[in-house]
């Protein structure tokens, strides 16, 4: 019986896709992106940092977890004022991370950011 646990554990480690939240440790401080790379009314997804930075209004920068609260897929698009998850179509507002279309029920967790020079940094 003990031999069966090893192949199952090994198989579980390989299942999944690159769009799902992995074992990576999210960034918790430091520079994220140049402010000029975040369009007004849109955003920039930093998949490697599991963060999405948005600029709902000129000079007003927000950041959220890029991990969808529904099934932990990484969001992949920011368009028309919303952050979009490709897995099941959940959408989140760029201003506050609120759910604008399900199946997600919870907003994207907000990250505290500020502007330092020409960069957006985690506070």
Protein backbone atom coordinates (compact mmCIF):
# COMPACT_ATOMS: atom_id res chain seq x y z
CA UNK A 1 0.00 0.00 0.00
CA UNK A 2 2.78 2.46 0.81
CA UNK A 3 4.13 2.19 -2.74
CA UNK A 4 0.87 3.51 -4.16
CA UNK A 5 1.22 6.84 -2.36
CA UNK A 6 4.43 7.81 -4.09
CA UNK A 7 3.14 7.64 -7.70
CA UNK A 8 -0.03 9.48 -6.72
CA UNK A 9 1.93 12.26 -5.03
CA UNK A 10 4.24 12.49 -8.02
CA UNK A 11 1.32 12.67 -10.45
CA UNK A 12 -0.38 15.39 -8.41
CA UNK A 13 2.74 17.51 -8.66
CA UNK A 14 2.57 17.56 -12.45
CA UNK A 15 -1.14 18.19 -12.93
CA UNK A 16 -2.28 21.72 -13.74
CA UNK A 17 -1.57 24.49 -16.18
CA UNK A 18 0.56 27.58 -16.26
CA UNK A 19 -2.59 29.68 -15.76
CA UNK A 20 -3.12 28.29 -12.27
CA UNK A 21 -1.60 29.71 -9.13
CA UNK A 22 1.55 27.70 -8.56
CA UNK A 23 3.89 27.10 -5.68
CA UNK A 24 5.61 30.44 -6.35
CA UNK A 25 5.85 32.86 -3.47
CA UNK A 26 4.13 36.15 -4.38
CA UNK A 27 6.18 39.34 -4.28
CA UNK A 28 5.60 41.25 -1.04
CA UNK A 29 7.65 44.45 -1.51
CA UNK A 30 9.75 46.46 -3.94
CA UNK A 31 9.36 47.87 -7.48
CA UNK A 32 6.70 46.33 -9.70
CA UNK A 33 6.47 48.19 -13.00
CA UNK A 34 7.15 51.57 -14.60
CA UNK A 35 4.13 53.85 -14.25
CA UNK A 36 4.28 54.56 -18.00
CA UNK A 37 3.55 50.86 -18.71
CA UNK A 38 0.15 51.01 -16.97
CA UNK A 39 -2.45 52.59 -19.28
CA UNK A 40 -5.10 54.95 -17.93
CA UNK A 41 -8.38 53.01 -17.75
CA UNK A 42 -6.50 49.74 -17.99
CA UNK A 43 -3.78 47.75 -16.34
CA UNK A 44 -0.68 45.62 -16.56
CA UNK A 45 -0.62 41.98 -15.44
CA UNK A 46 2.64 40.88 -13.84
CA UNK A 47 2.10 37.11 -13.99
CA UNK A 48 5.53 36.30 -12.55
CA UNK A 49 4.69 38.43 -9.49
CA UNK A 50 1.02 37.33 -9.37
CA UNK A 51 -0.06 40.98 -9.32
CA UNK A 52 -2.14 43.18 -11.61
CA UNK A 53 -1.51 46.95 -11.48
CA UNK A 54 -4.27 49.24 -12.74
CA UNK A 55 -4.74 52.95 -13.36
CA UNK A 56 -8.49 53.65 -13.19
CA UNK A 57 -7.87 57.42 -13.45
CA UNK A 58 -4.74 59.31 -14.49
CA UNK A 59 -2.22 59.12 -11.64
CA UNK A 60 -4.39 56.80 -9.49
CA UNK A 61 -2.63 53.43 -9.33
CA UNK A 62 -4.10 50.30 -7.72
CA UNK A 63 -2.77 46.77 -7.39
CA UNK A 64 -4.49 43.46 -6.76
CA UNK A 65 -3.66 39.80 -6.57
CA UNK A 66 -3.69 38.36 -10.10
CA UNK A 67 -5.05 35.08 -8.70
CA UNK A 68 -8.79 34.72 -9.36
CA UNK A 69 -10.80 34.15 -6.21
CA UNK A 70 -12.97 31.53 -7.93
CA UNK A 71 -10.59 28.71 -8.88
CA UNK A 72 -7.16 30.35 -8.46
CA UNK A 73 -6.40 30.80 -12.16
CA UNK A 74 -4.22 33.75 -13.05
CA UNK A 75 -6.08 36.61 -14.69
CA UNK A 76 -4.78 37.32 -18.19
CA UNK A 77 -6.48 40.43 -19.56
CA UNK A 78 -7.39 43.96 -18.56
CA UNK A 79 -9.89 45.59 -20.92
CA UNK A 80 -12.91 47.86 -20.84
CA UNK A 81 -12.32 48.74 -17.17
CA UNK A 82 -12.24 45.14 -15.94
CA UNK A 83 -9.70 42.47 -15.08
CA UNK A 84 -10.65 39.20 -16.80
CA UNK A 85 -10.02 35.62 -15.72
CA UNK A 86 -9.86 33.24 -18.71
CA UNK A 87 -10.84 30.07 -16.86
CA UNK A 88 -14.51 30.71 -16.14
CA UNK A 89 -15.06 34.33 -17.22
CA UNK A 90 -15.00 36.12 -13.87
CA UNK A 91 -14.44 39.88 -14.16
CA UNK A 92 -13.20 42.37 -11.58
CA UNK A 93 -13.31 46.19 -11.51
CA UNK A 94 -9.96 47.91 -12.08
CA UNK A 95 -10.77 50.56 -9.43
CA UNK A 96 -11.35 48.28 -6.44
CA UNK A 97 -11.09 44.62 -7.51
CA UNK A 98 -14.83 44.08 -6.96
CA UNK A 99 -16.53 41.25 -8.83
CA UNK A 100 -18.43 42.60 -11.84
CA UNK A 101 -19.26 39.17 -13.33
CA UNK A 102 -19.10 35.72 -11.73
CA UNK A 103 -18.72 32.91 -11.00
CA UNK A 104 -16.21 34.50 -8.56
CA UNK A 105 -17.96 35.73 -5.42
CA UNK A 106 -15.06 37.54 -3.70
CA UNK A 107 -13.07 40.55 -4.93
CA UNK A 108 -9.41 40.35 -5.84
CA UNK A 109 -7.34 41.12 -2.71
CA UNK A 110 -5.86 44.62 -2.90
CA UNK A 111 -2.14 45.31 -2.52
CA UNK A 112 -0.87 48.61 -1.16
CA UNK A 113 1.20 50.51 -3.76
CA UNK A 114 2.75 53.92 -4.21
CA UNK A 115 4.63 55.82 -6.89
CA UNK A 116 8.37 56.29 -6.35
CA UNK A 117 10.02 58.21 -9.16
CA UNK A 118 8.66 56.64 -12.33
CA UNK A 119 7.92 53.24 -10.76
CA UNK A 120 4.97 51.65 -9.03
CA UNK A 121 6.18 49.92 -5.87
CA UNK A 122 4.56 47.75 -3.23
CA UNK A 123 4.30 49.68 -0.01
